[in-house]
């Protein structure tokens, strides 16, 4: 990603520009001007001609510097490039700045300054020596943030100074860039989860969403097509040889549900339970996309990302990298919602058909536990990573453990594979545990309806 702009450094005849130039006097310039005026007044009172000449020299020098700097005419262009433009939290990105002098005059001393949010680090400043006509200068700096989000970079500011340091003028470029800090992800092992089928194969429950079917829309005959696939009815209709298209398998589906309710999490900061859930959802969706699944990100508010394919899933024609980028950009900005329940997410899942459901849930009361249990009935398989945010803040208590075990038991009875998340746990280890528990549970209920029974 790159942003560029041009700045014209020239003079003008308007009085506002003159006042702005005089306002650019530095402390040294103001001191010289004040000393010159004072010396001239003293010389007039005392009748000292030599002192008057010294005073005039001191007063005129900053004014000449202002005039020369104000009447200078040249144009410079600035370009900013991010490498990369999307980084995980805690990683560094490098910002490359390039300044080109596109005028026929050499520049004076330049100070380059880029505006960055304070969370990315101190504001970078660079002093550039004289840039010859047609020349360029390149500098770079690093930015880093432990907090995910979208951070604007710019506009780039150029400060000009005269050789004596009497006056400084600041010009700003108009272009700016955006650095996207996405949640941290970790690689997950390819373990089988309950109700999961391979990305492009058939699951144990055959459906159009998993296996696909022959496309009834024919196409024109191409050299090398099998004549056994000629569609004679369409051939007679269009007057040219038409063949049936090959079977178009559709990708298996996976929904990653992220609970963002404000009442479901306590604490804040990079190590909070909510940030762990966001990072876990990011890791899960990237992993499932790599395995060939059509994935959508769903929140408790009912918002589905990317939402372009059928049922809100990433279509088969949509590149996995594009779908992952869109969902990661959403997770970079996602915050806690004011919603009090999971009912909207349940409504989205109501007609979703088969598919794997992976949920990252915060604190659940009895009502929300029942709502989550009913979500399982709409899915081919379901895995829930449940966080007890109170344990992340105050440590685990016997009463809290008992309540968490009771909620987990209700979810297991509804058919969920439940994995409690301890403070600071690694998702890769919990993912293996979910695959092991799901495989055991699936083997124990193979005779159940549609191949997916309940867990006891």
Protein backbone atom coordinates (compact mmCIF):
# COMPACT_ATOMS: atom_id res chain seq x y z
CA UNK A 1 0.00 0.00 0.00
CA UNK A 2 1.27 3.43 -0.88
CA UNK A 3 0.01 6.95 -0.57
CA UNK A 4 1.48 9.95 -2.27
CA UNK A 5 0.94 13.66 -2.48
CA UNK A 6 2.55 16.86 -3.64
CA UNK A 7 3.38 19.98 -1.70
CA UNK A 8 4.07 23.31 -3.35
CA UNK A 9 6.52 25.39 -1.37
CA UNK A 10 6.17 28.88 -2.78
CA UNK A 11 5.24 32.39 -1.90
CA UNK A 12 2.17 34.48 -2.38
CA UNK A 13 0.99 38.04 -2.23
CA UNK A 14 -1.82 37.67 0.29
CA UNK A 15 -1.41 39.25 3.68
CA UNK A 16 -2.52 36.05 5.40
CA UNK A 17 0.49 34.25 3.92
CA UNK A 18 2.83 36.97 5.15
CA UNK A 19 1.42 36.74 8.65
CA UNK A 20 1.81 32.96 8.53
CA UNK A 21 5.42 33.34 7.48
CA UNK A 22 6.12 35.79 10.30
CA UNK A 23 4.44 33.36 12.67
CA UNK A 24 7.06 30.79 11.61
CA UNK A 25 9.86 32.72 13.31
CA UNK A 26 11.79 30.47 15.64
CA UNK A 27 12.93 31.43 19.13
CA UNK A 28 16.27 32.47 17.66
CA UNK A 29 14.59 34.62 15.03
CA UNK A 30 12.32 36.33 17.56
CA UNK A 31 15.29 36.93 19.84
CA UNK A 32 17.31 38.55 17.04
CA UNK A 33 14.36 40.72 16.05
CA UNK A 34 13.73 41.84 19.65
CA UNK A 35 17.43 42.52 20.22
CA UNK A 36 17.65 44.55 17.02
CA UNK A 37 14.65 46.70 17.90
CA UNK A 38 15.97 47.25 21.43
CA UNK A 39 19.42 48.20 20.11
CA UNK A 40 17.88 50.62 17.58
CA UNK A 41 15.81 52.33 20.29
CA UNK A 42 18.82 52.63 22.60
CA UNK A 43 20.95 54.01 19.74
CA UNK A 44 18.31 56.64 18.97
CA UNK A 45 18.07 57.68 22.63
CA UNK A 46 21.81 57.71 23.25
CA UNK A 47 22.75 59.06 19.85
CA UNK A 48 25.07 56.15 19.04
CA UNK A 49 25.27 55.57 15.26
CA UNK A 50 27.33 52.36 15.51
CA UNK A 51 24.81 50.81 17.87
CA UNK A 52 22.04 51.73 15.43
CA UNK A 53 23.80 49.87 12.62
CA UNK A 54 24.17 46.79 14.85
CA UNK A 55 20.50 46.98 15.79
CA UNK A 56 19.41 47.22 12.16
CA UNK A 57 21.56 44.24 11.29
CA UNK A 58 20.04 42.16 14.08
CA UNK A 59 16.48 43.14 13.11
CA UNK A 60 16.87 42.76 9.37
CA UNK A 61 18.48 39.27 9.43
CA UNK A 62 15.36 37.34 10.58
CA UNK A 63 13.15 39.44 8.29
CA UNK A 64 15.37 38.62 5.31
CA UNK A 65 15.26 34.94 6.27
CA UNK A 66 11.45 35.06 6.38
CA UNK A 67 11.30 36.78 2.99
CA UNK A 68 13.71 34.37 1.31
CA UNK A 69 11.98 31.30 2.74
CA UNK A 70 8.54 32.67 1.93
CA UNK A 71 9.43 33.56 -1.67
CA UNK A 72 11.18 30.25 -2.36
CA UNK A 73 9.47 28.34 -5.16
CA UNK A 74 9.87 24.60 -5.57
CA UNK A 75 7.69 21.52 -5.47
CA UNK A 76 8.25 18.28 -3.61
CA UNK A 77 6.25 15.06 -3.61
CA UNK A 78 5.98 12.57 -0.77
CA UNK A 79 5.18 8.84 -0.90
CA UNK A 80 4.46 6.47 1.96
CA UNK A 81 4.54 2.68 1.68
CA UNK A 82 3.61 0.16 4.39
CA UNK A 83 5.30 -3.21 4.55
CA UNK A 84 3.05 -4.99 5.31
CA UNK A 85 -0.21 -3.06 5.56
CA UNK A 86 -1.85 -5.73 7.76
CA UNK A 87 0.09 -7.11 10.75
CA UNK A 88 -0.81 -9.24 13.78
CA UNK A 89 -0.89 -7.56 17.16
CA UNK A 90 2.57 -7.42 18.70
CA UNK A 91 4.36 -7.53 15.33
CA UNK A 92 6.22 -4.72 13.63
CA UNK A 93 5.52 -3.02 10.33
CA UNK A 94 7.95 -0.81 8.45
CA UNK A 95 6.89 2.50 6.95
CA UNK A 96 8.94 3.73 3.99
CA UNK A 97 8.90 7.45 3.17
CA UNK A 98 10.17 8.95 -0.05
CA UNK A 99 10.52 12.65 -0.87
CA UNK A 100 11.14 13.79 -4.47
CA UNK A 101 12.14 17.29 -5.52
CA UNK A 102 10.31 17.78 -8.83
CA UNK A 103 11.25 21.44 -9.26
CA UNK A 104 14.27 22.97 -10.92
CA UNK A 105 15.61 24.48 -7.73
CA UNK A 106 17.45 22.68 -4.92
CA UNK A 107 15.78 22.67 -1.54
CA UNK A 108 17.15 23.89 1.70
CA UNK A 109 17.25 21.97 4.97
CA UNK A 110 14.06 19.90 5.38
CA UNK A 111 12.59 18.22 8.43
CA UNK A 112 10.20 15.37 7.66
CA UNK A 113 7.59 14.40 10.26
CA UNK A 114 4.88 11.75 10.04
CA UNK A 115 1.82 11.76 12.26
CA UNK A 116 1.14 8.41 13.93
CA UNK A 117 -1.17 7.45 16.83
CA UNK A 118 0.54 7.23 20.17
CA UNK A 119 -0.17 3.48 20.47
CA UNK A 120 2.17 2.86 17.52
CA UNK A 121 5.12 4.61 19.11
CA UNK A 122 6.75 8.06 19.13
CA UNK A 123 6.24 10.46 16.25
CA UNK A 124 9.10 9.93 13.75
CA UNK A 125 11.16 12.93 12.65
CA UNK A 126 13.91 13.03 10.03
CA UNK A 127 16.28 15.85 9.01
CA UNK A 128 17.03 15.86 5.28
CA UNK A 129 19.95 17.71 3.81
CA UNK A 130 19.73 19.78 0.67
CA UNK A 131 17.84 17.86 -2.05
CA UNK A 132 19.12 18.65 -5.51
CA UNK A 133 16.78 19.41 -8.40
CA UNK A 134 15.18 16.14 -9.52
CA UNK A 135 16.68 14.31 -6.54
CA UNK A 136 15.03 12.21 -3.88
CA UNK A 137 15.54 11.02 -0.31
CA UNK A 138 14.25 7.82 1.30
CA UNK A 139 13.86 7.08 5.01
CA UNK A 140 11.95 4.48 7.01
CA UNK A 141 10.74 3.77 10.53
CA UNK A 142 8.98 0.99 12.42
CA UNK A 143 5.60 0.91 14.12
CA UNK A 144 4.23 -1.68 16.53
CA UNK A 145 1.03 -2.12 18.54
CA UNK A 146 -0.12 -4.72 21.04
CA UNK A 147 -3.72 -3.56 20.52
CA UNK A 148 -5.63 -4.56 17.40
CA UNK A 149 -7.41 -1.88 15.41
CA UNK A 150 -7.16 0.40 12.37
CA UNK A 151 -4.66 3.21 12.79
CA UNK A 152 -4.29 6.15 10.39
CA UNK A 153 -0.79 7.21 9.38
CA UNK A 154 -0.39 10.77 8.18
CA UNK A 155 -0.59 13.26 6.86
CA UNK A 156 3.10 13.69 6.21
CA UNK A 157 4.43 17.07 7.28
CA UNK A 158 7.38 18.88 5.77
CA UNK A 159 9.13 21.61 7.75
CA UNK A 160 11.48 23.99 5.96
CA UNK A 161 14.12 26.09 7.66
CA UNK A 162 16.54 28.78 6.53
CA UNK A 163 20.31 28.21 6.94
CA UNK A 164 20.44 30.46 10.02
CA UNK A 165 17.52 28.76 11.81
CA UNK A 166 15.57 32.02 12.01
CA UNK A 167 12.31 30.79 10.44
CA UNK A 168 10.49 27.51 9.93
CA UNK A 169 7.50 26.86 7.66
CA UNK A 170 5.37 23.72 7.82
CA UNK A 171 3.55 22.19 4.85
CA UNK A 172 1.34 19.08 5.03
CA UNK A 173 0.61 16.43 2.43
CA UNK A 174 -3.01 15.45 2.01
CA UNK A 175 -2.61 11.67 1.60
CA UNK A 176 -2.59 9.20 4.47
CA UNK A 177 -2.51 5.42 4.94
CA UNK A 178 -4.18 2.99 7.30
CA UNK A 179 -2.35 0.28 9.22
CA UNK A 180 -4.57 -2.65 10.16
CA UNK A 181 -3.50 -4.53 13.30
CA UNK A 182 -5.32 -7.87 13.29
CA UNK A 183 -5.62 -10.35 16.18
CA UNK A 184 -2.78 -12.74 16.81
CA UNK A 185 -3.30 -16.22 15.38
CA UNK A 186 -1.60 -19.51 16.07
CA UNK A 187 -1.35 -22.57 13.80
CA UNK A 188 -3.78 -25.34 14.69
CA UNK A 189 -3.28 -29.07 14.20
CA UNK A 190 -5.48 -30.78 11.56
CA UNK A 191 -7.57 -32.86 13.95
CA UNK A 192 -11.06 -34.22 13.06
CA UNK A 193 -13.87 -32.42 14.85
CA UNK A 194 -17.32 -33.83 15.54
CA UNK A 195 -19.58 -33.56 12.52
CA UNK A 196 -16.75 -32.39 10.30
CA UNK A 197 -16.26 -33.55 6.74
CA UNK A 198 -13.35 -32.82 4.50
CA UNK A 199 -13.37 -29.51 2.75
CA UNK A 200 -14.35 -30.75 -0.70
CA UNK A 201 -15.54 -34.28 -0.02
CA UNK A 202 -18.82 -35.75 1.16
CA UNK A 203 -19.72 -35.87 4.81
CA UNK A 204 -21.65 -38.65 6.48
CA UNK A 205 -24.77 -36.59 5.92
CA UNK A 206 -25.06 -36.02 2.19
CA UNK A 207 -26.53 -32.73 1.12
CA UNK A 208 -26.18 -30.23 -1.66
CA UNK A 209 -24.16 -27.96 0.59
CA UNK A 210 -21.53 -30.69 0.97
CA UNK A 211 -21.56 -32.83 -2.14
CA UNK A 212 -22.97 -30.64 -4.88
CA UNK A 213 -24.88 -31.92 -7.92
CA UNK A 214 -24.71 -31.78 -11.68
CA UNK A 215 -25.30 -28.30 -13.02
CA UNK A 216 -28.45 -28.47 -15.16
CA UNK A 217 -27.34 -25.42 -17.19
CA UNK A 218 -25.56 -26.73 -20.31
CA UNK A 219 -22.68 -25.10 -22.14
CA UNK A 220 -21.38 -25.14 -25.67
CA UNK A 221 -19.43 -28.13 -26.91
CA UNK A 222 -15.65 -27.84 -26.75
CA UNK A 223 -13.08 -29.96 -28.48
CA UNK A 224 -12.30 -32.96 -26.31
CA UNK A 225 -15.64 -33.07 -24.45
CA UNK A 226 -17.10 -36.51 -23.88
CA UNK A 227 -19.94 -37.09 -26.34
CA UNK A 228 -21.78 -39.03 -23.67
CA UNK A 229 -22.41 -35.73 -21.91
CA UNK A 230 -24.23 -34.17 -24.88
CA UNK A 231 -27.49 -32.57 -23.77
CA UNK A 232 -29.74 -33.35 -26.75
CA UNK A 233 -32.70 -31.26 -25.66
CA UNK A 234 -30.57 -28.11 -25.39
CA UNK A 235 -28.82 -29.01 -28.65
CA UNK A 236 -32.18 -29.06 -30.45
CA UNK A 237 -33.23 -25.82 -28.77
CA UNK A 238 -30.12 -23.76 -29.51
CA UNK A 239 -29.20 -25.32 -32.82
CA UNK A 240 -25.67 -26.17 -31.74
CA UNK A 241 -24.06 -28.99 -29.85
CA UNK A 242 -24.48 -28.51 -26.06
CA UNK A 243 -23.02 -30.61 -23.24
CA UNK A 244 -23.82 -30.93 -19.55
CA UNK A 245 -21.36 -29.34 -17.20
CA UNK A 246 -19.25 -31.48 -14.95
CA UNK A 247 -20.25 -31.96 -11.34
CA UNK A 248 -19.56 -28.78 -9.34
CA UNK A 249 -18.72 -29.80 -5.80
CA UNK A 250 -19.33 -27.12 -3.22
CA UNK A 251 -17.21 -26.64 -0.17
CA UNK A 252 -18.21 -27.90 3.22
CA UNK A 253 -19.41 -25.17 5.55
CA UNK A 254 -18.13 -23.95 8.87
CA UNK A 255 -19.50 -21.14 11.03
CA UNK A 256 -17.24 -19.47 13.60
CA UNK A 257 -19.41 -17.87 16.27
CA UNK A 258 -17.88 -15.13 18.42
CA UNK A 259 -19.68 -14.02 21.55
CA UNK A 260 -19.06 -10.27 21.95
CA UNK A 261 -21.60 -9.47 24.69
CA UNK A 262 -20.27 -6.91 27.13
CA UNK A 263 -21.90 -8.78 30.02
CA UNK A 264 -20.05 -11.97 29.07
CA UNK A 265 -16.53 -10.70 29.75
CA UNK A 266 -14.64 -8.96 32.52
CA UNK A 267 -11.38 -7.14 32.35
CA UNK A 268 -9.66 -5.48 29.43
CA UNK A 269 -6.30 -5.31 27.74
CA UNK A 270 -4.32 -7.63 25.47
CA UNK A 271 -4.42 -10.50 28.00
CA UNK A 272 -8.15 -10.32 28.78
CA UNK A 273 -10.65 -13.09 28.14
CA UNK A 274 -12.34 -11.16 25.34
CA UNK A 275 -9.07 -10.66 23.45
CA UNK A 276 -8.35 -14.38 23.81
CA UNK A 277 -11.76 -15.16 22.30
CA UNK A 278 -11.13 -12.79 19.38
CA UNK A 279 -7.72 -14.33 18.71
CA UNK A 280 -9.20 -17.81 19.01
CA UNK A 281 -11.90 -17.02 16.46
CA UNK A 282 -9.28 -15.60 14.10
CA UNK A 283 -7.12 -18.72 14.41
CA UNK A 284 -10.11 -21.00 13.84
CA UNK A 285 -11.40 -19.26 10.73
CA UNK A 286 -7.93 -19.10 9.13
CA UNK A 287 -7.38 -22.79 9.88
CA UNK A 288 -10.74 -23.86 8.43
CA UNK A 289 -10.22 -21.77 5.29
CA UNK A 290 -6.85 -23.44 4.79
CA UNK A 291 -8.59 -26.80 4.97
CA UNK A 292 -10.94 -25.84 2.14
CA UNK A 293 -14.08 -24.95 4.07
CA UNK A 294 -16.52 -22.20 3.16
CA UNK A 295 -16.34 -20.16 6.35
CA UNK A 296 -18.38 -17.33 7.76
CA UNK A 297 -17.80 -15.30 10.91
CA UNK A 298 -20.94 -14.81 12.99
CA UNK A 299 -21.38 -12.63 16.08
CA UNK A 300 -24.02 -12.63 18.78
CA UNK A 301 -25.54 -9.57 17.07
CA UNK A 302 -26.36 -11.68 14.01
CA UNK A 303 -23.73 -10.04 11.77
CA UNK A 304 -22.19 -12.48 9.29
CA UNK A 305 -18.90 -11.91 7.47
CA UNK A 306 -18.19 -12.14 4.56
CA UNK A 307 -21.89 -12.58 3.80
CA UNK A 308 -21.53 -12.74 0.01
CA UNK A 309 -22.11 -16.39 -0.70
CA UNK A 310 -25.20 -18.48 -0.10
CA UNK A 311 -26.21 -18.34 3.55
CA UNK A 312 -23.53 -15.75 4.24
CA UNK A 313 -20.62 -18.10 3.54
CA UNK A 314 -17.64 -17.28 1.40
CA UNK A 315 -18.56 -18.51 -2.06
CA UNK A 316 -16.53 -21.17 -3.81
CA UNK A 317 -15.32 -18.56 -6.31
CA UNK A 318 -14.09 -16.28 -3.57
CA UNK A 319 -10.41 -16.76 -2.84
CA UNK A 320 -9.63 -18.02 0.62
CA UNK A 321 -7.09 -15.23 1.11
CA UNK A 322 -9.70 -12.57 0.30
CA UNK A 323 -12.24 -14.12 2.66
CA UNK A 324 -9.66 -14.39 5.42
CA UNK A 325 -8.59 -10.79 4.89
CA UNK A 326 -12.16 -9.53 5.08
CA UNK A 327 -12.89 -11.42 8.28
CA UNK A 328 -9.57 -10.47 9.86
CA UNK A 329 -10.24 -6.81 9.08
CA UNK A 330 -13.59 -7.18 10.85
CA UNK A 331 -11.95 -8.79 13.88
CA UNK A 332 -9.37 -6.00 13.96
CA UNK A 333 -12.11 -3.48 14.80
CA UNK A 334 -14.67 -5.61 16.59
CA UNK A 335 -15.61 -4.54 20.08
CA UNK A 336 -17.95 -5.66 22.80
CA UNK A 337 -21.63 -5.29 21.99
CA UNK A 338 -24.40 -4.06 24.26
CA UNK A 339 -26.65 -6.96 23.30
CA UNK A 340 -27.81 -9.13 26.11
CA UNK A 341 -28.32 -12.46 24.39
CA UNK A 342 -27.55 -14.92 21.62
CA UNK A 343 -31.03 -14.87 20.08
CA UNK A 344 -29.99 -13.05 16.89
CA UNK A 345 -27.20 -15.51 16.22
CA UNK A 346 -29.70 -18.31 16.84
CA UNK A 347 -32.03 -16.81 14.23
CA UNK A 348 -29.23 -16.78 11.65
CA UNK A 349 -28.37 -20.41 12.38
CA UNK A 350 -32.00 -21.50 12.34
CA UNK A 351 -32.10 -22.22 8.62
CA UNK A 352 -28.43 -22.79 8.07
CA UNK A 353 -28.55 -26.51 7.34
CA UNK A 354 -25.62 -28.83 7.99
CA UNK A 355 -22.15 -27.64 8.75
CA UNK A 356 -19.62 -27.35 11.51
CA UNK A 357 -20.20 -24.76 14.23
CA UNK A 358 -17.24 -23.51 16.28
CA UNK A 359 -18.21 -21.10 19.04
CA UNK A 360 -16.16 -18.96 21.41
CA UNK A 361 -18.46 -18.11 24.29
CA UNK A 362 -18.08 -15.94 27.38
CA UNK A 363 -20.05 -16.15 30.62
CA UNK A 364 -23.43 -17.83 30.14
CA UNK A 365 -26.42 -17.67 32.45
CA UNK A 366 -29.18 -20.28 32.37
CA UNK A 367 -31.13 -18.50 29.64
CA UNK A 368 -28.15 -18.08 27.34
CA UNK A 369 -27.02 -21.64 28.02
CA UNK A 370 -30.42 -22.84 26.80
CA UNK A 371 -30.16 -20.62 23.73
CA UNK A 372 -26.71 -22.01 22.91
CA UNK A 373 -28.01 -25.54 23.41
CA UNK A 374 -30.73 -24.95 20.81
CA UNK A 375 -28.12 -23.76 18.31
CA UNK A 376 -26.66 -27.27 18.26
CA UNK A 377 -29.86 -28.65 16.76
CA UNK A 378 -29.26 -26.54 13.64
CA UNK A 379 -25.73 -27.71 13.02
CA UNK A 380 -24.06 -30.89 11.85
CA UNK A 381 -21.47 -30.64 14.60
CA UNK A 382 -20.65 -28.10 17.29
CA UNK A 383 -17.60 -27.28 19.38
CA UNK A 384 -17.75 -24.64 22.12
CA UNK A 385 -14.76 -23.00 23.78
CA UNK A 386 -16.25 -21.55 26.95
CA UNK A 387 -14.42 -18.86 28.93
CA UNK A 388 -15.12 -18.08 32.56
CA UNK A 389 -14.04 -14.43 32.56
CA UNK A 390 -14.24 -14.20 36.36
CA UNK A 391 -11.44 -16.77 36.60
CA UNK A 392 -9.34 -14.61 34.24
CA UNK A 393 -9.69 -11.62 36.56
CA UNK A 394 -10.01 -12.92 40.12
CA UNK A 395 -8.89 -16.53 39.83
CA UNK A 396 -11.08 -19.58 39.96
CA UNK A 397 -13.44 -20.13 42.88
CA UNK A 398 -15.23 -23.37 43.92
CA UNK A 399 -18.63 -21.78 43.29
CA UNK A 400 -17.56 -20.54 39.88
CA UNK A 401 -16.17 -23.93 38.93
CA UNK A 402 -19.41 -25.63 39.97
CA UNK A 403 -21.51 -23.20 37.91
CA UNK A 404 -19.22 -23.62 34.88
CA UNK A 405 -19.42 -27.40 35.11
CA UNK A 406 -23.20 -27.23 35.30
CA UNK A 407 -23.40 -25.08 32.16
CA UNK A 408 -20.94 -27.34 30.35
CA UNK A 409 -23.00 -30.40 31.26
CA UNK A 410 -26.14 -28.81 29.79
CA UNK A 411 -24.32 -28.02 26.56
CA UNK A 412 -22.90 -31.55 26.32
CA UNK A 413 -26.36 -33.01 26.80
CA UNK A 414 -27.50 -30.90 23.84
CA UNK A 415 -24.74 -32.34 21.65
CA UNK A 416 -21.94 -29.79 22.00
CA UNK A 417 -18.30 -30.71 22.40
CA UNK A 418 -17.41 -28.37 25.27
CA UNK A 419 -13.85 -27.26 26.01
CA UNK A 420 -13.37 -25.01 29.08
CA UNK A 421 -10.70 -22.35 28.57
CA UNK A 422 -8.38 -21.66 31.49
CA UNK A 423 -6.58 -18.30 31.81
CA UNK A 424 -3.60 -18.15 29.47
CA UNK A 425 -4.41 -21.45 27.73
CA UNK A 426 -3.05 -22.16 24.24
CA UNK A 427 -5.68 -22.75 21.60
CA UNK A 428 -3.62 -25.39 19.78
CA UNK A 429 -3.72 -27.67 22.83
CA UNK A 430 -7.44 -27.08 23.34
CA UNK A 431 -8.02 -27.75 19.65
CA UNK A 432 -6.43 -31.16 19.97
CA UNK A 433 -8.56 -31.84 23.02
CA UNK A 434 -11.70 -30.86 21.10
CA UNK A 435 -10.78 -33.19 18.26
CA UNK A 436 -10.12 -36.08 20.63
CA UNK A 437 -13.36 -35.57 22.56
CA UNK A 438 -15.36 -35.06 19.36
CA UNK A 439 -13.99 -38.23 17.77
CA UNK A 440 -14.86 -40.29 20.83
CA UNK A 441 -18.30 -38.77 21.03
CA UNK A 442 -18.97 -39.24 17.32
CA UNK A 443 -17.91 -42.90 17.48
CA UNK A 444 -20.22 -43.49 20.42
CA UNK A 445 -23.24 -42.07 18.61
CA UNK A 446 -22.70 -43.28 15.06
CA UNK A 447 -26.10 -44.97 15.06
CA UNK A 448 -27.89 -41.75 15.97
CA UNK A 449 -29.94 -39.62 13.61
CA UNK A 450 -27.97 -38.28 10.65
CA UNK A 451 -24.82 -39.76 12.09
CA UNK A 452 -24.57 -37.14 14.87
CA UNK A 453 -26.01 -38.02 18.19
CA UNK A 454 -25.86 -36.32 21.54
CA UNK A 455 -23.08 -36.49 24.05
CA UNK A 456 -23.72 -37.63 27.55
